[in-house]
Protein backbone atom coordinates (compact mmCIF):
# COMPACT_ATOMS: atom_id res chain seq x y z
CA MET A 1 -13.53 -22.40 -3.88
CA LYS A 2 -10.18 -24.03 -3.21
CA GLN A 3 -8.34 -23.88 0.08
CA TYR A 4 -4.73 -22.64 0.04
CA SER A 5 -2.03 -22.53 2.69
CA ILE A 6 0.16 -19.56 1.73
CA PRO A 7 3.70 -19.59 3.17
CA ILE A 8 4.82 -16.08 4.20
CA ARG A 9 8.39 -15.49 5.38
CA TRP A 10 9.76 -12.77 7.61
CA GLU A 11 11.81 -13.08 10.77
CA SER A 12 9.37 -15.81 11.84
CA TYR A 13 7.42 -18.25 9.66
CA LYS A 14 3.68 -18.58 9.44
CA ARG A 15 1.14 -20.23 7.14
CA ILE A 16 -2.15 -18.48 6.62
CA LYS A 17 -5.08 -20.59 5.44
CA VAL A 18 -7.50 -18.93 3.06
CA GLU A 19 -10.22 -19.95 0.64
CA ALA A 20 -9.98 -18.45 -2.83
CA GLU A 21 -10.87 -18.93 -6.48
CA ASN A 22 -7.20 -19.21 -7.54
CA LEU A 23 -3.64 -18.93 -6.26
CA GLU A 24 -3.26 -15.22 -7.04
CA ASN A 25 -6.39 -14.41 -5.05
CA ALA A 26 -5.21 -16.70 -2.23
CA VAL A 27 -1.84 -14.92 -2.03
CA TYR A 28 -3.61 -11.55 -1.98
CA LEU A 29 -5.95 -12.63 0.83
CA ALA A 30 -3.12 -14.16 2.87
CA LEU A 31 -0.94 -11.04 2.55
CA LYS A 32 -3.87 -8.81 3.43
CA GLN A 33 -4.61 -10.85 6.55
CA PHE A 34 -0.91 -10.99 7.46
CA LEU A 35 -0.49 -7.23 7.18
CA GLU A 36 -3.58 -6.60 9.34
CA GLU A 37 -2.29 -8.72 12.23
CA PRO A 38 -0.32 -6.73 14.83
CA ASP A 39 3.22 -7.90 15.50
CA GLU A 40 5.50 -5.69 17.60
CA THR A 41 8.63 -7.41 16.31
CA TYR A 42 7.80 -7.15 12.60
CA ILE A 43 10.38 -5.24 10.54
CA ASP A 44 8.67 -3.09 7.89
CA ASP A 45 8.72 -4.57 4.38
CA SER A 46 10.58 -7.69 5.51
CA PHE A 47 7.93 -10.20 4.39
CA GLU A 48 7.88 -12.31 1.23
CA ILE A 49 6.04 -15.29 -0.17
CA ASP A 50 8.21 -18.38 0.35
CA GLU A 51 9.34 -19.94 -2.94
CA ILE A 52 8.16 -23.36 -1.75
CA ILE A 53 4.75 -22.27 -3.03
CA TYR A 54 5.91 -23.00 -6.59
CA GLU A 55 6.61 -26.63 -5.61
CA GLU A 56 3.38 -27.00 -3.65
CA VAL A 57 1.15 -25.53 -6.36
CA PRO A 58 3.08 -26.16 -9.60
CA ASN A 59 0.15 -25.74 -11.99
CA GLU A 60 -0.83 -22.23 -10.90
CA ASN A 61 0.96 -18.90 -11.15
CA PHE A 62 0.46 -15.48 -9.64
CA ASN A 63 1.76 -11.96 -10.22
CA ILE A 64 3.25 -10.83 -6.90
CA HIS A 65 3.85 -7.27 -8.13
CA LYS A 66 0.18 -6.92 -9.06
CA ILE A 67 -0.79 -8.18 -5.60
CA TYR A 68 1.58 -5.76 -3.83
CA ASN A 69 0.13 -2.87 -5.85
CA GLU A 70 -3.42 -3.85 -4.87
CA LEU A 71 -2.63 -3.94 -1.14
């Protein structure tokens, strides 16, 4: 397993550390954890994966639409 630090943006900024087989699985796990955490100030559907991830992990890709559909 690799360890990933997935950058998720919304009105605030947070990195969620997860262990996963690949980047797509890491993004899925981070989003799942993020969505399960209560936050009274969170605006529905305002989150996104920060594009810096493509610079930090240039040799791996993921399908964000597939991940959203699985959540």
